[in-house]
Amino acid sequence: MKINNMFLKDIIDIIEYGSFSIPIVNYVEDKIDNLSLKYYFSLLKSKWKMDLSYAIEYANKVISTTTTTILRELARYELILIYSRMKNFDKSKEIFDLVKKNISNLSPYARKIIIPGLKALAEKLNQDFEVLKCYGDSYEESYVQKAIIEYSKARKLLSEGKYNKAYDYFINGFLHAKRFNHPAMICAGLNSATWWIRKINKKKALYTANLLEYYTGYYFEDFNYISNWLDTIINVKQLNNDIRVLGLSKIIYNALIIFPDLKILLGNIQYPDFKIEEYTLNKRLYYFIYKKSKKRLRTKSLNVIDLKKFIQKYGLTYKKTYPFEIKNELYKMHINKTFKENIIKFKNEKKIKIPELFFETYTALIEKPYFTKSHILRLIFKGDKDKIIKYFSRDYEKMHFFNIMLSDFDVKEAEKRLTNSENFEERGYDVSPFFIARKKLITELLKNMKNFKEFILHYFDLSDEEMKIFDVFLRNCVRYDIKWPITPYPKGKIRDFAIKYGLGQKRVALGYYSFEYNERILIDEIIDKFL
């Protein structure tokens, strides 16, 4: 694959999607023979992974090897962003001036990437950008660039203390990013809108926080990448005394096994533990109970039954200031209540839908410690609803899973209501929108599936480690399935896998190329087990 003008135009679209372009970049990398373009792709991937020193090295290699003006100026533009991020503003300004002088040599489709970015940086770098205005009508402004401009206007309003107006601009930017379907821009807008409005209108903030939680689950796997967004969501849920914050903290607790750096990024969060039957009567819990009841307890521990009676007697509802033991029991009571409500829905489900419901939810989980494979296979394929309900009613871990199976989050309705500033009342969702989003990815993948039972049997033969990787692969098959300028196709066994199970060749290719080359070797081995 050689560089030509048409291909360069496709590259611009890839750049606009940011790190979400990884499967397309990996697919194209396998086919190109142009060294400078290979360097450029390495530059982008290094930047997306925050390996900034490598990104600088690759950018300089592009500049020194390419004979293509657009590629050279795009590499310089990336250097401006990288040096600015590294707080090396002198170097950033030096390259800024050079790129600005060369703007006239660029095509309109390259300018649509560079000009809005330079405008956004100009104020930060204290640079003149008047020269850029003459190109205002000579490049195509994309929805991503419109989102950037709206976010820039919002930040200016924040500096003036106009938080409600800034919120509106952040939402406008989110809607532009949604039209282009740019995941990072979608979440960035929702995160800013949520964070800055939370102290003025906490109900309004909760509304956007739930949307943000949904999109983080739908689009992202790397918890280190989304830690800032998770922090915002937790903050707003606690501010609203929303008991579902414990559901989100449970997700984070499980994610710590895979992403230990989260503990540093998100601080000291208390996590629900469904298996506790007895609590140590620590000082905080002791004084809380004494303050409410005026009774001095003379035991070293308190069992769950007595703590529940205490909660019910004093009509306690979730508050972030309560001791962990109280919050944990309130959360378990919430799960129990929604479980009973969901039994009615489950009774009306078609028997053939039960295995799909289970599988969609199972693959959404980060850790799956409380299910045994052989028992589950017999249970879901036999389809006896009373036995299934009895199995899930045994403990709160399974009840929580059951609630995810039967829960939904109407994202279209939620987005539609964003534009109605008079109505920000949030309806209570049974479980975390994060889980629901991940479940919906698999629901979408299974729509036209063939040989489902065989697929499930092979899936449960995988090791725990293989299962984790395969879960990510399946979700990526859907989350990357957007309109790309380049359409990837799978070959060999990957193609056979897509055809055998009716998953869609393009989708499977996107899921496959979302992994780097050395990781694809493991995917090849897993796929082999399904054929």
Protein backbone atom coordinates (compact mmCIF):
# COMPACT_ATOMS: atom_id res chain seq x y z
CA MET A 1 0.00 0.00 0.00
CA LYS A 2 1.66 3.23 -1.18
CA ILE A 3 0.99 6.86 -0.23
CA ASN A 4 -1.33 8.76 -2.54
CA ASN A 5 -3.67 11.70 -1.98
CA MET A 6 -6.74 9.53 -1.53
CA PHE A 7 -5.00 7.35 1.05
CA LEU A 8 -3.73 10.44 2.92
CA LYS A 9 -7.32 11.67 3.14
CA ASP A 10 -8.21 8.35 4.79
CA ILE A 11 -5.31 8.83 7.22
CA ILE A 12 -6.84 12.15 8.31
CA ASP A 13 -10.03 10.32 9.31
CA ILE A 14 -7.94 7.81 11.26
CA ILE A 15 -6.17 10.63 13.14
CA GLU A 16 -9.50 12.23 14.05
CA TYR A 17 -10.64 9.10 15.87
CA GLY A 18 -7.54 9.18 18.07
CA SER A 19 -6.70 5.97 19.96
CA PHE A 20 -9.95 4.45 18.70
CA SER A 21 -8.23 4.04 15.31
CA ILE A 22 -5.88 1.34 16.59
CA PRO A 23 -7.51 -1.62 14.73
CA ILE A 24 -7.41 0.28 11.42
CA VAL A 25 -3.81 1.40 12.01
CA ASN A 26 -2.77 -2.19 12.83
CA TYR A 27 -4.58 -3.49 9.73
CA VAL A 28 -2.97 -0.90 7.42
CA GLU A 29 0.48 -1.36 9.01
CA ASP A 30 0.45 -5.00 7.92
CA LYS A 31 -0.01 -3.91 4.30
CA ILE A 32 2.12 -0.77 3.79
CA ASP A 33 5.70 -0.71 2.49
CA ASN A 34 6.33 3.01 3.06
CA LEU A 35 8.86 3.53 5.87
CA SER A 36 7.86 7.08 6.79
CA LEU A 37 4.20 6.06 7.06
CA LYS A 38 5.18 3.17 9.32
CA TYR A 39 7.04 5.67 11.50
CA TYR A 40 3.98 7.92 11.51
CA PHE A 41 1.71 5.12 12.71
CA SER A 42 4.26 4.29 15.42
CA LEU A 43 4.19 7.98 16.41
CA LEU A 44 0.40 7.93 16.76
CA LYS A 45 0.31 4.70 18.75
CA SER A 46 3.08 5.90 21.06
CA LYS A 47 1.20 9.14 21.68
CA TRP A 48 -2.07 7.28 22.37
CA LYS A 49 -0.25 5.05 24.86
CA MET A 50 1.36 8.13 26.49
CA ASP A 51 4.89 6.95 25.55
CA LEU A 52 5.77 10.54 24.70
CA SER A 53 9.54 10.13 24.36
CA TYR A 54 9.00 7.39 21.75
CA ALA A 55 6.38 9.55 20.04
CA ILE A 56 8.93 12.39 19.68
CA GLU A 57 11.52 9.97 18.30
CA TYR A 58 9.10 8.62 15.68
CA ALA A 59 7.89 12.14 14.76
CA ASN A 60 11.46 13.20 13.99
CA LYS A 61 11.97 10.03 11.93
CA VAL A 62 8.87 10.90 9.87
CA ILE A 63 10.13 14.45 9.27
CA SER A 64 13.58 13.25 8.21
CA THR A 65 12.41 10.42 5.91
CA THR A 66 9.20 11.57 4.23
CA THR A 67 8.93 13.40 0.91
CA THR A 68 5.19 13.99 1.46
CA THR A 69 4.39 17.53 2.68
CA ILE A 70 1.16 16.57 4.47
CA LEU A 71 2.79 13.75 6.43
CA ARG A 72 5.70 15.97 7.46
CA GLU A 73 3.44 18.79 8.71
CA LEU A 74 1.15 16.33 10.51
CA ALA A 75 4.19 14.93 12.32
CA ARG A 76 5.25 18.47 13.29
CA TYR A 77 1.73 19.21 14.48
CA GLU A 78 1.87 16.13 16.73
CA LEU A 79 5.20 17.40 18.11
CA ILE A 80 3.52 20.71 19.09
CA LEU A 81 0.86 18.79 21.03
CA ILE A 82 3.39 16.45 22.67
CA TYR A 83 5.80 19.19 23.77
CA SER A 84 2.87 21.24 25.06
CA ARG A 85 1.68 18.24 27.08
CA MET A 86 5.22 17.89 28.45
CA LYS A 87 5.19 21.62 29.43
CA ASN A 88 8.08 22.32 27.06
CA PHE A 89 6.38 25.42 25.68
CA ASP A 90 9.52 26.95 24.11
CA LYS A 91 9.96 23.94 21.83
CA SER A 92 6.22 23.83 21.17
CA LYS A 93 6.21 27.52 20.10
CA GLU A 94 9.20 27.00 17.81
CA ILE A 95 7.44 24.22 15.88
CA PHE A 96 4.12 26.12 16.04
CA ASP A 97 5.65 28.98 14.03
CA LEU A 98 7.08 26.57 11.46
CA VAL A 99 3.75 24.77 10.90
CA LYS A 100 1.88 28.07 10.72
CA LYS A 101 4.16 29.24 7.87
CA ASN A 102 3.48 26.05 5.92
CA ILE A 103 -0.34 26.08 6.24
CA SER A 104 -0.76 27.37 2.67
CA ASN A 105 0.94 24.21 1.33
CA LEU A 106 -1.64 21.91 2.89
CA SER A 107 -4.85 20.58 1.37
CA PRO A 108 -8.21 21.50 2.99
CA TYR A 109 -8.64 18.01 4.45
CA ALA A 110 -5.28 18.30 6.26
CA ARG A 111 -6.10 21.81 7.49
CA LYS A 112 -9.28 20.55 9.15
CA ILE A 113 -7.04 18.61 11.56
CA ILE A 114 -4.31 21.17 12.08
CA ILE A 115 -6.05 24.59 12.14
CA PRO A 116 -8.57 23.96 14.98
CA GLY A 117 -5.78 22.37 17.02
CA LEU A 118 -3.47 25.36 16.44
CA LYS A 119 -6.27 27.75 17.36
CA ALA A 120 -6.87 25.88 20.61
CA LEU A 121 -3.14 25.93 21.40
CA ALA A 122 -2.52 29.54 20.32
CA GLU A 123 -3.93 31.07 23.49
CA LYS A 124 -2.12 28.57 25.70
CA LEU A 125 1.19 29.27 23.93
CA ASN A 126 0.50 33.01 23.73
CA GLN A 127 0.81 32.91 19.94
CA ASP A 128 -0.85 34.96 17.22
CA PHE A 129 -3.32 32.94 15.16
CA GLU A 130 -4.73 35.73 12.97
CA VAL A 131 -2.94 34.21 9.99
CA LEU A 132 -5.01 31.05 10.44
CA LYS A 133 -8.32 32.88 10.00
CA CYS A 134 -7.80 33.39 6.27
CA TYR A 135 -8.21 29.63 5.85
CA GLY A 136 -11.49 29.54 7.78
CA ASP A 137 -13.56 28.84 4.64
CA SER A 138 -11.00 26.71 2.84
CA TYR A 139 -11.16 23.53 4.87
CA GLU A 140 -13.93 21.15 5.81
CA GLU A 141 -14.81 21.48 9.49
CA SER A 142 -15.69 18.08 10.93
CA TYR A 143 -17.95 17.28 13.88
CA VAL A 144 -14.84 16.56 15.96
CA GLN A 145 -13.48 20.05 15.25
CA LYS A 146 -16.90 21.53 16.07
CA ALA A 147 -16.80 19.65 19.38
CA ILE A 148 -13.31 21.02 20.12
CA ILE A 149 -14.52 24.58 19.45
CA GLU A 150 -17.58 24.11 21.72
CA TYR A 151 -15.38 22.74 24.51
CA SER A 152 -13.01 25.69 24.07
CA LYS A 153 -15.93 28.15 24.44
CA ALA A 154 -17.10 26.25 27.53
CA ARG A 155 -13.69 26.48 29.21
CA LYS A 156 -13.62 30.24 28.61
CA LEU A 157 -17.04 30.54 30.30
CA LEU A 158 -15.76 28.49 33.25
CA SER A 159 -13.02 31.06 33.82
CA GLU A 160 -15.79 33.68 34.06
CA GLY A 161 -17.76 31.56 36.55
CA LYS A 162 -20.66 31.01 34.10
CA TYR A 163 -21.14 27.30 34.88
CA ASN A 164 -24.66 26.83 33.50
CA LYS A 165 -23.71 28.35 30.14
CA ALA A 166 -20.49 26.34 30.08
CA TYR A 167 -22.55 23.19 30.73
CA ASP A 168 -24.65 23.94 27.62
CA TYR A 169 -21.52 24.29 25.46
CA PHE A 170 -20.08 21.04 26.82
CA ILE A 171 -23.34 19.27 25.93
CA ASN A 172 -23.32 20.84 22.43
CA GLY A 173 -19.77 19.54 22.00
CA PHE A 174 -20.83 16.09 23.23
CA LEU A 175 -23.66 16.03 20.65
CA HIS A 176 -21.21 16.95 17.85
CA ALA A 177 -18.78 14.25 19.01
CA LYS A 178 -21.68 11.76 19.11
CA ARG A 179 -22.56 12.52 15.48
CA PHE A 180 -18.98 11.68 14.48
CA ASN A 181 -18.99 8.89 17.07
CA HIS A 182 -15.66 9.86 18.63
CA PRO A 183 -15.45 7.95 21.95
CA ALA A 184 -12.81 10.03 23.78
CA MET A 185 -14.49 13.31 22.77
CA ILE A 186 -17.91 11.97 23.82
CA CYS A 187 -16.66 11.10 27.31
CA ALA A 188 -14.51 14.24 27.64
CA GLY A 189 -17.57 16.46 27.06
CA LEU A 190 -19.79 14.53 29.45
CA ASN A 191 -17.04 14.46 32.08
CA SER A 192 -16.50 18.24 31.95
CA ALA A 193 -20.25 18.94 31.95
CA THR A 194 -20.71 16.67 34.98
CA TRP A 195 -17.74 17.93 36.97
CA TRP A 196 -18.41 21.66 36.63
CA ILE A 197 -22.18 21.57 37.18
CA ARG A 198 -22.12 19.22 40.17
CA LYS A 199 -21.99 21.88 42.91
CA ILE A 200 -24.60 24.11 41.28
CA ASN A 201 -27.08 21.40 40.29
CA LYS A 202 -26.23 17.94 41.63
CA LYS A 203 -29.31 16.30 40.05
CA LYS A 204 -28.29 17.62 36.65
CA ALA A 205 -24.78 16.28 37.27
CA LEU A 206 -26.13 12.83 38.18
CA TYR A 207 -27.98 12.70 34.87
CA THR A 208 -24.82 13.27 32.80
CA ALA A 209 -22.75 11.09 35.18
CA ASN A 210 -24.93 8.08 34.32
CA LEU A 211 -24.50 8.80 30.59
CA LEU A 212 -20.75 9.11 31.13
CA GLU A 213 -20.71 5.80 33.01
CA TYR A 214 -22.58 4.14 30.14
CA TYR A 215 -20.12 5.36 27.49
CA THR A 216 -17.02 4.46 29.50
CA GLY A 217 -18.37 0.90 29.68
CA TYR A 218 -19.34 0.84 26.02
CA TYR A 219 -16.12 2.19 24.53
CA PHE A 220 -13.19 1.54 26.88
CA GLU A 221 -11.33 -1.39 28.44
CA ASP A 222 -8.28 0.30 29.98
CA PHE A 223 -9.28 1.46 33.46
CA ASN A 224 -6.15 3.56 33.82
CA TYR A 225 -7.30 5.57 30.78
CA ILE A 226 -10.76 6.24 32.24
CA SER A 227 -9.74 6.77 35.89
CA ASN A 228 -10.46 10.51 35.71
CA TRP A 229 -13.98 9.84 34.44
CA LEU A 230 -14.61 7.19 37.10
CA ASP A 231 -13.51 9.67 39.76
CA THR A 232 -16.07 12.20 38.47
CA ILE A 233 -18.88 9.62 38.44
CA ILE A 234 -18.12 8.43 42.00
CA ASN A 235 -17.92 12.03 43.24
CA VAL A 236 -21.34 12.91 41.78
CA LYS A 237 -23.04 9.71 42.98
CA GLN A 238 -21.75 10.33 46.49
CA LEU A 239 -22.87 13.97 46.30
CA ASN A 240 -26.39 12.71 45.47
CA ASN A 241 -26.28 10.02 48.19
CA ASP A 242 -26.82 7.48 45.40
CA ILE A 243 -26.43 3.95 46.74
CA ARG A 244 -25.38 2.75 43.28
CA VAL A 245 -21.96 4.27 43.91
CA LEU A 246 -21.23 0.98 45.69
CA GLY A 247 -21.98 -0.90 42.47
CA LEU A 248 -19.43 1.23 40.62
CA SER A 249 -16.88 0.80 43.40
CA LYS A 250 -17.36 -2.98 43.10
CA ILE A 251 -16.42 -2.71 39.42
CA ILE A 252 -13.28 -0.78 40.36
CA TYR A 253 -12.43 -3.28 43.10
CA ASN A 254 -12.51 -6.11 40.56
CA ALA A 255 -10.54 -4.01 38.06
CA LEU A 256 -7.73 -3.50 40.59
CA ILE A 257 -6.68 -7.09 39.94
CA ILE A 258 -5.93 -6.13 36.32
CA PHE A 259 -5.09 -2.43 36.81
CA PRO A 260 -3.35 -2.03 40.22
CA ASP A 261 -2.43 1.61 39.44
CA LEU A 262 -6.11 2.51 39.88
CA LYS A 263 -5.67 2.43 43.66
CA ILE A 264 -3.29 5.37 43.40
CA LEU A 265 -5.40 7.19 40.80
CA LEU A 266 -8.72 6.90 42.64
CA GLY A 267 -7.60 6.96 46.27
CA ASN A 268 -9.13 5.00 49.13
CA ILE A 269 -12.56 3.75 48.03
CA GLN A 270 -14.59 1.32 50.16
CA TYR A 271 -15.86 -1.70 48.24
CA PRO A 272 -18.97 -3.79 48.89
CA ASP A 273 -18.40 -7.32 50.11
CA PHE A 274 -21.55 -9.39 49.67
CA LYS A 275 -20.23 -12.38 51.60
CA ILE A 276 -19.87 -10.68 55.02
CA GLU A 277 -22.15 -12.25 57.62
CA GLU A 278 -20.65 -10.55 60.66
CA TYR A 279 -18.98 -7.15 61.11
CA THR A 280 -16.30 -6.16 63.60
CA LEU A 281 -17.71 -3.50 65.90
CA ASN A 282 -15.06 -0.85 65.21
CA LYS A 283 -15.10 2.59 66.86
CA ARG A 284 -16.82 4.33 63.97
CA LEU A 285 -19.65 1.80 63.76
CA TYR A 286 -19.97 1.69 67.56
CA TYR A 287 -20.37 5.47 67.91
CA PHE A 288 -22.77 5.63 64.95
CA ILE A 289 -25.08 3.04 66.56
CA TYR A 290 -24.75 4.66 69.99
CA LYS A 291 -25.61 8.11 68.60
CA LYS A 292 -28.80 6.74 67.02
CA SER A 293 -29.97 4.30 69.71
CA LYS A 294 -28.29 5.69 72.88
CA LYS A 295 -27.38 2.07 73.68
CA ARG A 296 -23.89 0.89 74.58
CA LEU A 297 -23.03 -2.38 72.85
CA ARG A 298 -20.74 -4.73 74.76
CA THR A 299 -19.82 -7.11 71.93
CA LYS A 300 -16.81 -7.16 69.62
CA SER A 301 -18.90 -7.96 66.54
CA LEU A 302 -22.35 -7.45 65.06
CA ASN A 303 -24.12 -9.94 62.82
CA VAL A 304 -25.84 -8.93 59.58
CA ILE A 305 -29.37 -9.73 60.84
CA ASP A 306 -29.04 -7.36 63.81
CA LEU A 307 -27.53 -4.63 61.63
CA LYS A 308 -30.43 -4.93 59.15
CA LYS A 309 -32.92 -4.62 62.01
CA PHE A 310 -31.11 -1.47 63.18
CA ILE A 311 -31.24 0.03 59.63
CA GLN A 312 -34.95 -0.74 59.27
CA LYS A 313 -35.84 0.53 62.76
CA TYR A 314 -34.29 3.95 62.13
CA GLY A 315 -35.32 4.16 58.45
CA LEU A 316 -31.76 4.72 57.23
CA THR A 317 -31.09 5.61 53.57
CA TYR A 318 -27.69 5.82 51.91
CA LYS A 319 -25.36 8.67 52.89
CA LYS A 320 -21.69 8.78 51.99
CA THR A 321 -20.85 9.77 55.59
CA TYR A 322 -22.26 6.52 57.00
CA PRO A 323 -19.90 3.72 58.11
CA PHE A 324 -19.00 1.21 55.40
CA GLU A 325 -20.92 -1.57 57.21
CA ILE A 326 -24.18 0.41 57.06
CA LYS A 327 -23.67 1.39 53.40
CA ASN A 328 -22.86 -2.19 52.46
CA GLU A 329 -26.04 -3.56 54.04
CA LEU A 330 -28.12 -0.81 52.43
CA TYR A 331 -26.66 -1.78 49.06
CA LYS A 332 -27.48 -5.45 49.65
CA MET A 333 -31.06 -4.50 50.57
CA HIS A 334 -31.24 -2.49 47.33
CA ILE A 335 -30.06 -5.55 45.35
CA ASN A 336 -32.60 -7.77 47.09
CA LYS A 337 -35.44 -5.36 46.29
CA THR A 338 -34.56 -5.10 42.58
CA PHE A 339 -34.02 -8.87 42.40
CA LYS A 340 -37.62 -9.45 43.49
CA GLU A 341 -38.85 -6.93 40.91
CA ASN A 342 -36.77 -8.59 38.17
CA ILE A 343 -38.16 -12.07 38.91
CA ILE A 344 -41.46 -10.88 37.43
CA LYS A 345 -39.69 -9.79 34.22
CA PHE A 346 -37.74 -13.06 34.07
CA LYS A 347 -40.91 -15.16 34.33
CA ASN A 348 -42.11 -13.50 31.11
CA GLU A 349 -38.85 -14.12 29.20
CA LYS A 350 -38.88 -16.73 26.42
CA LYS A 351 -37.07 -19.92 27.40
CA ILE A 352 -34.78 -19.76 24.33
CA LYS A 353 -33.64 -16.26 25.37
CA ILE A 354 -32.25 -17.39 28.76
CA PRO A 355 -28.83 -18.71 27.53
CA GLU A 356 -28.27 -15.49 25.55
CA LEU A 357 -29.25 -13.32 28.52
CA PHE A 358 -26.79 -15.18 30.69
CA PHE A 359 -23.93 -15.08 28.19
CA GLU A 360 -24.40 -11.36 27.44
CA THR A 361 -24.12 -10.56 31.14
CA TYR A 362 -21.36 -13.06 31.92
CA THR A 363 -19.02 -11.54 29.33
CA ALA A 364 -19.69 -8.04 30.74
CA LEU A 365 -18.13 -8.92 34.09
CA ILE A 366 -14.51 -8.17 34.91
CA GLU A 367 -14.13 -11.08 37.32
CA LYS A 368 -16.36 -14.20 37.48
CA PRO A 369 -15.44 -15.86 40.77
CA TYR A 370 -18.83 -17.19 41.89
CA PHE A 371 -19.90 -19.35 38.93
CA THR A 372 -18.85 -22.93 38.26
CA LYS A 373 -18.79 -23.76 34.55
CA SER A 374 -20.42 -27.20 34.60
CA HIS A 375 -23.26 -26.12 36.90
CA ILE A 376 -24.01 -23.02 34.82
CA LEU A 377 -24.07 -24.91 31.51
CA ARG A 378 -26.61 -27.40 32.84
CA LEU A 379 -28.68 -24.63 34.38
CA ILE A 380 -28.96 -22.27 31.41
CA PHE A 381 -29.48 -24.91 28.74
CA LYS A 382 -32.10 -26.82 30.72
CA GLY A 383 -34.01 -23.54 31.09
CA ASP A 384 -36.12 -24.43 34.15
CA LYS A 385 -37.04 -20.92 35.33
CA ASP A 386 -37.87 -21.90 38.93
CA LYS A 387 -34.53 -23.69 39.32
CA ILE A 388 -32.70 -20.72 37.83
CA ILE A 389 -34.42 -18.28 40.22
CA LYS A 390 -33.61 -20.57 43.15
CA TYR A 391 -29.96 -20.70 42.08
CA PHE A 392 -29.66 -16.91 41.79
CA SER A 393 -31.47 -16.26 45.08
CA ARG A 394 -28.77 -18.06 47.10
CA ASP A 395 -26.57 -15.03 47.70
CA TYR A 396 -26.14 -11.37 46.83
CA GLU A 397 -23.36 -11.96 44.29
CA LYS A 398 -25.72 -14.02 42.15
CA MET A 399 -28.66 -11.66 42.77
CA HIS A 400 -26.49 -8.80 41.52
CA PHE A 401 -25.71 -10.78 38.35
CA PHE A 402 -29.40 -11.57 37.87
CA ASN A 403 -30.24 -7.87 38.16
CA ILE A 404 -27.73 -7.03 35.42
CA MET A 405 -29.31 -9.70 33.21
CA LEU A 406 -32.72 -8.05 33.48
CA SER A 407 -31.70 -4.37 33.59
CA ASP A 408 -31.56 -1.79 30.82
CA PHE A 409 -30.40 1.78 30.23
CA ASP A 410 -32.25 3.72 27.54
CA VAL A 411 -29.32 5.71 26.20
CA LYS A 412 -31.34 7.28 23.36
CA GLU A 413 -33.95 8.57 25.75
CA ALA A 414 -31.24 9.83 28.11
CA GLU A 415 -29.54 11.75 25.30
CA LYS A 416 -32.84 13.14 24.05
CA ARG A 417 -33.65 14.54 27.48
CA LEU A 418 -30.28 16.31 27.65
CA THR A 419 -31.64 19.03 25.40
CA ASN A 420 -34.61 19.60 27.72
CA SER A 421 -33.06 21.80 30.38
CA GLU A 422 -36.30 21.86 32.40
CA ASN A 423 -36.28 18.15 33.15
CA PHE A 424 -33.21 16.60 34.73
CA GLU A 425 -34.88 14.20 37.13
CA GLU A 426 -32.97 10.92 36.97
CA ARG A 427 -34.88 7.68 37.10
CA GLY A 428 -33.27 5.04 39.28
CA TYR A 429 -31.48 2.36 37.24
CA ASP A 430 -31.20 -0.99 38.96
CA VAL A 431 -27.49 -1.51 38.28
CA SER A 432 -24.47 0.35 36.96
CA PRO A 433 -24.88 1.71 33.38
CA PHE A 434 -21.25 0.61 32.93
CA PHE A 435 -22.24 -3.07 33.07
CA ILE A 436 -25.34 -2.52 30.93
CA ALA A 437 -23.22 -0.91 28.21
CA ARG A 438 -20.80 -3.84 28.14
CA LYS A 439 -23.72 -6.26 28.04
CA LYS A 440 -25.26 -4.40 25.08
CA LEU A 441 -22.08 -4.89 23.05
CA ILE A 442 -22.50 -8.68 23.24
CA THR A 443 -26.27 -8.42 22.71
CA GLU A 444 -25.55 -6.64 19.42
CA LEU A 445 -22.95 -9.24 18.44
CA LEU A 446 -25.36 -12.15 19.02
CA LYS A 447 -28.20 -10.77 16.88
CA ASN A 448 -27.48 -12.97 13.84
CA MET A 449 -25.39 -15.63 15.54
CA LYS A 450 -25.27 -19.21 14.28
CA ASN A 451 -24.22 -22.37 16.16
CA PHE A 452 -24.77 -20.62 19.49
CA LYS A 453 -24.74 -23.71 21.71
CA GLU A 454 -21.48 -24.96 20.18
CA PHE A 455 -19.99 -21.47 20.68
CA ILE A 456 -20.97 -21.46 24.38
CA LEU A 457 -19.50 -24.93 24.97
CA HIS A 458 -16.19 -23.89 23.42
CA TYR A 459 -16.24 -20.65 25.41
CA PHE A 460 -16.55 -22.46 28.75
CA ASP A 461 -13.65 -24.71 27.80
CA LEU A 462 -11.32 -21.70 27.80
CA SER A 463 -9.00 -21.04 30.73
CA ASP A 464 -9.76 -18.01 32.92
CA GLU A 465 -6.95 -16.03 31.28
CA GLU A 466 -8.10 -16.96 27.76
CA MET A 467 -11.66 -16.02 28.70
CA LYS A 468 -10.62 -12.50 29.80
CA ILE A 469 -8.81 -11.87 26.51
CA PHE A 470 -11.62 -13.37 24.44
CA ASP A 471 -14.22 -11.21 26.27
CA VAL A 472 -12.31 -8.08 25.24
CA PHE A 473 -12.04 -9.39 21.68
CA LEU A 474 -15.82 -9.96 21.48
CA ARG A 475 -16.63 -6.49 22.84
CA ASN A 476 -14.14 -4.88 20.45
CA CYS A 477 -15.86 -6.59 17.52
CA VAL A 478 -18.83 -4.27 18.16
CA ARG A 479 -17.39 -1.12 19.76
CA TYR A 480 -15.05 -0.51 16.80
CA ASP A 481 -17.78 -1.18 14.22
CA ILE A 482 -18.28 2.38 13.01
CA LYS A 483 -17.93 3.99 9.58
CA TRP A 484 -14.25 3.75 8.66
CA PRO A 485 -12.61 5.04 5.46
CA ILE A 486 -10.79 1.72 5.22
CA THR A 487 -12.65 -1.60 5.57
CA PRO A 488 -10.58 -4.45 7.05
CA TYR A 489 -11.25 -8.07 6.13
CA PRO A 490 -10.11 -11.16 8.04
CA LYS A 491 -8.25 -14.04 6.42
CA GLY A 492 -7.74 -17.72 7.12
CA LYS A 493 -9.12 -19.12 10.37
CA ILE A 494 -10.33 -15.71 11.56
CA ARG A 495 -12.54 -15.50 8.46
CA ASP A 496 -13.74 -19.09 9.01
CA PHE A 497 -14.62 -18.19 12.62
CA ALA A 498 -16.65 -15.13 11.50
CA ILE A 499 -18.58 -17.13 8.91
CA LYS A 500 -19.21 -20.20 11.10
CA TYR A 501 -20.81 -18.17 13.89
CA GLY A 502 -22.38 -15.40 11.75
CA LEU A 503 -20.57 -12.61 13.61
CA GLY A 504 -19.76 -10.47 10.55
CA GLN A 505 -16.38 -10.45 8.83
CA LYS A 506 -15.74 -6.72 9.24
CA ARG A 507 -16.60 -6.84 12.94
CA VAL A 508 -14.35 -9.81 13.61
CA ALA A 509 -11.51 -8.13 11.69
CA LEU A 510 -11.86 -4.99 13.82
CA GLY A 511 -11.87 -7.04 17.00
CA TYR A 512 -8.84 -8.97 15.82
CA TYR A 513 -6.78 -5.94 14.75
CA SER A 514 -7.58 -4.09 17.98
CA PHE A 515 -4.75 -6.23 19.40
CA GLU A 516 -1.09 -5.67 18.59
CA TYR A 517 0.75 -8.25 16.46
CA ASN A 518 2.21 -10.29 19.36
CA GLU A 519 -1.21 -10.33 21.10
CA ARG A 520 -2.88 -11.60 17.93
CA ILE A 521 -0.91 -14.83 18.22
CA LEU A 522 -2.87 -15.64 21.39
CA ILE A 523 -6.17 -14.70 19.71
CA ASP A 524 -5.25 -17.09 16.87
CA GLU A 525 -4.80 -19.90 19.40
CA ILE A 526 -8.15 -19.16 21.08
CA ILE A 527 -10.02 -18.92 17.75
CA ASP A 528 -8.58 -22.29 16.75
CA LYS A 529 -10.50 -23.89 19.63
CA PHE A 530 -13.83 -22.71 18.18
CA LEU A 531 -13.32 -24.28 14.73
